[in-house]
C-alpha atoms as a PDB file:
ATOM      1  CA  UNK A   1     -25.046 -64.834 -12.096  1.00  0.00           C
ATOM      2  CA  UNK A   2     -26.389 -62.437 -14.707  1.00  0.00           C
ATOM      3  CA  UNK A   3     -24.915 -59.146 -15.730  1.00  0.00           C
ATOM      4  CA  UNK A   4     -26.831 -56.059 -14.619  1.00  0.00           C
ATOM      5  CA  UNK A   5     -29.113 -54.510 -17.193  1.00  0.00           C
ATOM      6  CA  UNK A   6     -27.423 -51.230 -18.236  1.00  0.00           C
ATOM      7  CA  UNK A   7     -28.698 -48.673 -18.916  1.00  0.00           C
ATOM      8  CA  UNK A   8     -31.691 -49.182 -16.638  1.00  0.00           C
ATOM      9  CA  UNK A   9     -35.101 -48.837 -18.249  1.00  0.00           C
ATOM     10  CA  UNK A  10     -36.020 -45.903 -15.970  1.00  0.00           C
ATOM     11  CA  UNK A  11     -33.148 -43.361 -15.696  1.00  0.00           C
ATOM     12  CA  UNK A  12     -34.524 -42.173 -12.331  1.00  0.00           C
ATOM     13  CA  UNK A  13     -33.869 -45.604 -10.838  1.00  0.00           C
ATOM     14  CA  UNK A  14     -30.375 -46.287  -9.485  1.00  0.00           C
ATOM     15  CA  UNK A  15     -28.428 -49.124 -11.060  1.00  0.00           C
ATOM     16  CA  UNK A  16     -28.298 -52.320  -9.027  1.00  0.00           C
ATOM     17  CA  UNK A  17     -25.231 -52.884  -6.846  1.00  0.00           C
ATOM     18  CA  UNK A  18     -22.367 -54.785  -8.548  1.00  0.00           C
ATOM     19  CA  UNK A  19     -22.585 -58.582  -8.447  1.00  0.00           C
ATOM     20  CA  UNK A  20     -25.961 -58.494  -6.721  1.00  0.00           C
ATOM     21  CA  UNK A  21     -24.427 -57.500  -3.362  1.00  0.00           C
ATOM     22  CA  UNK A  22     -24.338 -54.300  -1.382  1.00  0.00           C
ATOM     23  CA  UNK A  23     -22.387 -51.297  -2.497  1.00  0.00           C
ATOM     24  CA  UNK A  24     -18.909 -51.377  -1.045  1.00  0.00           C
ATOM     25  CA  UNK A  25     -18.286 -47.643  -0.788  1.00  0.00           C
ATOM     26  CA  UNK A  26     -19.982 -44.740   0.920  1.00  0.00           C
ATOM     27  CA  UNK A  27     -19.744 -42.276  -1.949  1.00  0.00           C
ATOM     28  CA  UNK A  28     -22.874 -40.769  -3.398  1.00  0.00           C
ATOM     29  CA  UNK A  29     -24.012 -43.002  -6.283  1.00  0.00           C
ATOM     30  CA  UNK A  30     -23.932 -41.546  -9.753  1.00  0.00           C
ATOM     31  CA  UNK A  31     -26.994 -42.477 -11.766  1.00  0.00           C
ATOM     32  CA  UNK A  32     -27.331 -42.410 -15.482  1.00  0.00           C
ATOM     33  CA  UNK A  33     -28.902 -39.152 -16.521  1.00  0.00           C
ATOM     34  CA  UNK A  34     -27.575 -37.371 -13.455  1.00  0.00           C
ATOM     35  CA  UNK A  35     -25.317 -34.428 -14.231  1.00  0.00           C
ATOM     36  CA  UNK A  36     -21.826 -33.824 -12.860  1.00  0.00           C
ATOM     37  CA  UNK A  37     -19.493 -30.971 -13.863  1.00  0.00           C
ATOM     38  CA  UNK A  38     -20.892 -30.532 -17.367  1.00  0.00           C
ATOM     39  CA  UNK A  39     -18.773 -33.435 -18.732  1.00  0.00           C
ATOM     40  CA  UNK A  40     -20.102 -35.631 -21.502  1.00  0.00           C
ATOM     41  CA  UNK A  41     -19.544 -39.293 -20.682  1.00  0.00           C
ATOM     42  CA  UNK A  42     -21.024 -42.368 -22.346  1.00  0.00           C
ATOM     43  CA  UNK A  43     -23.639 -40.358 -24.194  1.00  0.00           C
ATOM     44  CA  UNK A  44     -24.872 -38.768 -20.984  1.00  0.00           C
ATOM     45  CA  UNK A  45     -24.461 -35.173 -19.832  1.00  0.00           C
ATOM     46  CA  UNK A  46     -22.979 -34.824 -16.332  1.00  0.00           C
ATOM     47  CA  UNK A  47     -23.222 -31.524 -14.406  1.00  0.00           C
ATOM     48  CA  UNK A  48     -24.488 -30.304 -11.030  1.00  0.00           C
ATOM     49  CA  UNK A  49     -26.113 -32.957  -8.810  1.00  0.00           C
ATOM     50  CA  UNK A  50     -29.872 -33.172  -9.272  1.00  0.00           C
ATOM     51  CA  UNK A  51     -32.379 -33.305  -6.419  1.00  0.00           C
ATOM     52  CA  UNK A  52     -35.878 -34.766  -6.450  1.00  0.00           C
ATOM     53  CA  UNK A  53     -37.763 -34.788  -9.742  1.00  0.00           C
ATOM     54  CA  UNK A  54     -34.711 -33.614 -11.650  1.00  0.00           C
ATOM     55  CA  UNK A  55     -34.659 -30.213  -9.930  1.00  0.00           C
ATOM     56  CA  UNK A  56     -31.203 -28.781  -9.180  1.00  0.00           C
ATOM     57  CA  UNK A  57     -30.133 -28.911  -5.567  1.00  0.00           C
ATOM     58  CA  UNK A  58     -29.832 -25.470  -3.968  1.00  0.00           C
ATOM     59  CA  UNK A  59     -26.278 -24.210  -3.734  1.00  0.00           C
ATOM     60  CA  UNK A  60     -24.569 -22.754  -0.707  1.00  0.00           C
ATOM     61  CA  UNK A  61     -23.086 -19.275  -1.133  1.00  0.00           C
ATOM     62  CA  UNK A  62     -19.292 -19.294  -0.877  1.00  0.00           C
ATOM     63  CA  UNK A  63     -19.292 -16.978   2.123  1.00  0.00           C
ATOM     64  CA  UNK A  64     -21.816 -19.117   4.052  1.00  0.00           C
ATOM     65  CA  UNK A  65     -19.177 -21.619   5.083  1.00  0.00           C
ATOM     66  CA  UNK A  66     -17.323 -18.747   6.730  1.00  0.00           C
ATOM     67  CA  UNK A  67     -20.450 -17.206   8.229  1.00  0.00           C
ATOM     68  CA  UNK A  68     -19.781 -15.634  11.575  1.00  0.00           C
ATOM     69  CA  UNK A  69     -21.765 -13.231  13.678  1.00  0.00           C
ATOM     70  CA  UNK A  70     -21.336  -9.721  12.335  1.00  0.00           C
ATOM     71  CA  UNK A  71     -21.402  -6.653  14.497  1.00  0.00           C
ATOM     72  CA  UNK A  72     -21.748  -3.026  13.478  1.00  0.00           C
ATOM     73  CA  UNK A  73     -20.374  -1.778  10.190  1.00  0.00           C
ATOM     74  CA  UNK A  74     -17.322   0.471  10.357  1.00  0.00           C
ATOM     75  CA  UNK A  75     -16.850   4.016   9.151  1.00  0.00           C
ATOM     76  CA  UNK A  76     -15.452   4.950   5.742  1.00  0.00           C
ATOM     77  CA  UNK A  77     -12.407   7.207   6.031  1.00  0.00           C
ATOM     78  CA  UNK A  78     -11.233   9.270   3.031  1.00  0.00           C
ATOM     79  CA  UNK A  79      -7.541   8.782   2.200  1.00  0.00           C
ATOM     80  CA  UNK A  80      -6.679  12.437   1.658  1.00  0.00           C
ATOM     81  CA  UNK A  81      -8.329  13.727   4.815  1.00  0.00           C
ATOM     82  CA  UNK A  82      -6.756  11.011   6.970  1.00  0.00           C
ATOM     83  CA  UNK A  83      -3.269  11.713   5.585  1.00  0.00           C
ATOM     84  CA  UNK A  84      -3.785  15.466   6.105  1.00  0.00           C
ATOM     85  CA  UNK A  85      -4.889  14.925   9.722  1.00  0.00           C
ATOM     86  CA  UNK A  86      -1.829  12.747  10.301  1.00  0.00           C
ATOM     87  CA  UNK A  87       0.521  15.554   9.251  1.00  0.00           C
ATOM     88  CA  UNK A  88      -1.407  18.390  10.925  1.00  0.00           C
ATOM     89  CA  UNK A  89      -1.466  16.559  14.291  1.00  0.00           C
ATOM     90  CA  UNK A  90       2.207  15.511  13.939  1.00  0.00           C
ATOM     91  CA  UNK A  91       1.340  11.813  13.884  1.00  0.00           C
ATOM     92  CA  UNK A  92      -1.157  11.729  16.738  1.00  0.00           C
ATOM     93  CA  UNK A  93      -4.006  11.081  14.301  1.00  0.00           C
ATOM     94  CA  UNK A  94      -2.181   7.888  13.258  1.00  0.00           C
ATOM     95  CA  UNK A  95      -2.633   6.525  16.773  1.00  0.00           C
ATOM     96  CA  UNK A  96      -6.311   7.462  16.751  1.00  0.00           C
ATOM     97  CA  UNK A  97      -6.716   5.863  13.324  1.00  0.00           C
ATOM     98  CA  UNK A  98      -5.153   2.569  14.459  1.00  0.00           C
ATOM     99  CA  UNK A  99      -7.371   2.503  17.540  1.00  0.00           C
ATOM    100  CA  UNK A 100     -10.573   3.250  15.614  1.00  0.00           C
ATOM    101  CA  UNK A 101     -10.141   0.828  12.718  1.00  0.00           C
ATOM    102  CA  UNK A 102      -8.950  -2.079  14.880  1.00  0.00           C
ATOM    103  CA  UNK A 103     -11.819  -1.516  17.311  1.00  0.00           C
ATOM    104  CA  UNK A 104     -14.358  -1.431  14.466  1.00  0.00           C
ATOM    105  CA  UNK A 105     -12.994  -4.646  12.952  1.00  0.00           C
ATOM    106  CA  UNK A 106     -13.044  -6.377  16.355  1.00  0.00           C
ATOM    107  CA  UNK A 107     -16.647  -5.337  17.033  1.00  0.00           C
ATOM    108  CA  UNK A 108     -17.693  -6.344  13.528  1.00  0.00           C
ATOM    109  CA  UNK A 109     -16.074  -9.773  13.241  1.00  0.00           C
ATOM    110  CA  UNK A 110     -15.399 -10.709  16.858  1.00  0.00           C
ATOM    111  CA  UNK A 111     -11.786 -11.397  15.926  1.00  0.00           C
ATOM    112  CA  UNK A 112      -8.583  -9.399  15.843  1.00  0.00           C
ATOM    113  CA  UNK A 113      -6.547  -7.474  18.389  1.00  0.00           C
ATOM    114  CA  UNK A 114      -9.011  -4.660  19.039  1.00  0.00           C
ATOM    115  CA  UNK A 115      -8.369  -0.962  19.538  1.00  0.00           C
ATOM    116  CA  UNK A 116      -6.597  -0.964  22.910  1.00  0.00           C
ATOM    117  CA  UNK A 117      -3.981  -3.554  21.957  1.00  0.00           C
ATOM    118  CA  UNK A 118      -3.472  -1.877  18.569  1.00  0.00           C
ATOM    119  CA  UNK A 119      -2.922   1.451  20.320  1.00  0.00           C
ATOM    120  CA  UNK A 120      -0.408  -0.059  22.765  1.00  0.00           C
ATOM    121  CA  UNK A 121       1.437  -1.705  19.864  1.00  0.00           C
ATOM    122  CA  UNK A 122       1.429   1.588  17.928  1.00  0.00           C
ATOM    123  CA  UNK A 123       2.964   3.440  20.872  1.00  0.00           C
ATOM    124  CA  UNK A 124       5.619   0.891  21.854  1.00  0.00           C
ATOM    125  CA  UNK A 125       6.279  -1.195  18.724  1.00  0.00           C
ATOM    126  CA  UNK A 126       4.857   0.960  15.958  1.00  0.00           C
ATOM    127  CA  UNK A 127       6.584  -0.890  13.146  1.00  0.00           C
ATOM    128  CA  UNK A 128       4.268  -3.924  13.516  1.00  0.00           C
ATOM    129  CA  UNK A 129       1.008  -2.023  13.039  1.00  0.00           C
ATOM    130  CA  UNK A 130       1.160  -1.615   9.235  1.00  0.00           C
ATOM    131  CA  UNK A 131       1.630  -5.377   8.875  1.00  0.00           C
ATOM    132  CA  UNK A 132      -1.054  -6.125  11.460  1.00  0.00           C
ATOM    133  CA  UNK A 133      -3.621  -3.738   9.986  1.00  0.00           C
ATOM    134  CA  UNK A 134      -3.190  -5.033   6.439  1.00  0.00           C
ATOM    135  CA  UNK A 135      -3.416  -8.607   7.727  1.00  0.00           C
ATOM    136  CA  UNK A 136      -6.652  -7.990   9.640  1.00  0.00           C
ATOM    137  CA  UNK A 137      -8.268  -6.174   6.708  1.00  0.00           C
ATOM    138  CA  UNK A 138      -7.386  -9.149   4.504  1.00  0.00           C
ATOM    139  CA  UNK A 139      -8.911 -11.490   7.079  1.00  0.00           C
ATOM    140  CA  UNK A 140     -12.248  -9.647   6.832  1.00  0.00           C
ATOM    141  CA  UNK A 141     -12.393 -10.598   3.154  1.00  0.00           C
ATOM    142  CA  UNK A 142     -11.154 -14.128   3.716  1.00  0.00           C
ATOM    143  CA  UNK A 143     -13.861 -14.833   6.326  1.00  0.00           C
ATOM    144  CA  UNK A 144     -16.425 -14.035   3.649  1.00  0.00           C
ATOM    145  CA  UNK A 145     -14.737 -16.408   1.225  1.00  0.00           C
ATOM    146  CA  UNK A 146     -13.359 -13.619  -0.962  1.00  0.00           C
ATOM    147  CA  UNK A 147      -9.851 -13.057  -2.208  1.00  0.00           C
ATOM    148  CA  UNK A 148      -7.782 -10.839   0.084  1.00  0.00           C
ATOM    149  CA  UNK A 149      -6.882  -7.508  -1.571  1.00  0.00           C
ATOM    150  CA  UNK A 150      -4.245  -6.838   1.124  1.00  0.00           C
ATOM    151  CA  UNK A 151      -2.288  -8.993   3.548  1.00  0.00           C
ATOM    152  CA  UNK A 152       0.618  -8.687   5.959  1.00  0.00           C
ATOM    153  CA  UNK A 153       2.935  -8.606   2.938  1.00  0.00           C
ATOM    154  CA  UNK A 154       1.327  -5.291   1.945  1.00  0.00           C
ATOM    155  CA  UNK A 155       3.033  -3.884   5.063  1.00  0.00           C
ATOM    156  CA  UNK A 156       6.335  -4.110   3.185  1.00  0.00           C
ATOM    157  CA  UNK A 157       5.275  -0.912   1.442  1.00  0.00           C
ATOM    158  CA  UNK A 158       5.565   0.783   4.827  1.00  0.00           C
ATOM    159  CA  UNK A 159       8.896  -0.690   5.798  1.00  0.00           C
ATOM    160  CA  UNK A 160      11.266  -0.981   3.952  1.00  0.00           C
ATOM    161  CA  UNK A 161       9.081   1.099   1.586  1.00  0.00           C
ATOM    162  CA  UNK A 162       9.786   4.176   3.690  1.00  0.00           C
ATOM    163  CA  UNK A 163      13.248   4.195   2.116  1.00  0.00           C
ATOM    164  CA  UNK A 164      11.699   5.286  -1.179  1.00  0.00           C
ATOM    165  CA  UNK A 165       9.591   7.907   0.677  1.00  0.00           C
ATOM    166  CA  UNK A 166       6.311   7.106  -1.103  1.00  0.00           C
ATOM    167  CA  UNK A 167       6.080   3.547   0.263  1.00  0.00           C
ATOM    168  CA  UNK A 168       4.021   4.415   3.369  1.00  0.00           C
ATOM    169  CA  UNK A 169       1.551   6.363   1.227  1.00  0.00           C
ATOM    170  CA  UNK A 170       1.132   3.387  -1.116  1.00  0.00           C
ATOM    171  CA  UNK A 171       0.627   1.072   1.885  1.00  0.00           C
ATOM    172  CA  UNK A 172      -1.943   3.363   3.493  1.00  0.00           C
ATOM    173  CA  UNK A 173      -3.948   3.940   0.315  1.00  0.00           C
ATOM    174  CA  UNK A 174      -4.071   0.212  -0.533  1.00  0.00           C
ATOM    175  CA  UNK A 175      -5.061  -0.827   2.982  1.00  0.00           C
ATOM    176  CA  UNK A 176      -7.524   1.999   3.637  1.00  0.00           C
ATOM    177  CA  UNK A 177      -9.165   1.516   0.220  1.00  0.00           C
ATOM    178  CA  UNK A 178      -9.583  -2.210   0.901  1.00  0.00           C
ATOM    179  CA  UNK A 179     -11.151  -1.476   4.296  1.00  0.00           C
ATOM    180  CA  UNK A 180     -13.440   1.215   2.836  1.00  0.00           C
ATOM    181  CA  UNK A 181     -14.562  -1.133   0.041  1.00  0.00           C
ATOM    182  CA  UNK A 182     -15.322  -3.835   2.596  1.00  0.00           C
ATOM    183  CA  UNK A 183     -17.511  -1.473   4.644  1.00  0.00           C
ATOM    184  CA  UNK A 184     -19.203  -0.230   1.444  1.00  0.00           C
ATOM    185  CA  UNK A 185     -20.024  -3.808   0.436  1.00  0.00           C
ATOM    186  CA  UNK A 186     -21.969  -4.070   3.704  1.00  0.00           C
ATOM    187  CA  UNK A 187     -23.905  -0.861   3.129  1.00  0.00           C
ATOM    188  CA  UNK A 188     -21.717   1.903   4.592  1.00  0.00           C
ATOM    189  CA  UNK A 189     -21.892   5.186   2.731  1.00  0.00           C
ATOM    190  CA  UNK A 190     -19.158   7.695   1.956  1.00  0.00           C
ATOM    191  CA  UNK A 191     -19.618  11.047   3.654  1.00  0.00           C
END
């Protein structure tokens, strides 16, 4: 038995299988001259896998693995105006806000509780809605493969944050800004 001839004369040719037999693993073979991760090894440069004729293989965008059907884009709501409407209507605008944003997110992503369930929760178990809203806004980002700017933990600004009086304002501004930025990234415009 003779030892394989390394490096092969033509770097585009794969090396022969060890000991003249078949390869014993199903992993993609690594050929000399092929690049992986930008590491220098044995005098060869290794980086991204190469396709035919040394051309780089096309990459897949990070969000493509999370691709889901997208419905209509939601509305951008200014923080100051929404807070003002909440106080002027003695909290009724808060119920409308929960209904609208949850309904928009449900129509857009096909996931989430939707407006009716969010409204029922706001009326009967209102304390869960800040956590739920922040969680669903974070999920919009996560489905696109992006880092979540808010999550259910952000709801802690609402309660027990209400004990420091400004907590609910911090929660609302963080969550509403994240939702507005998401809609803007899809082409929504501020009014």
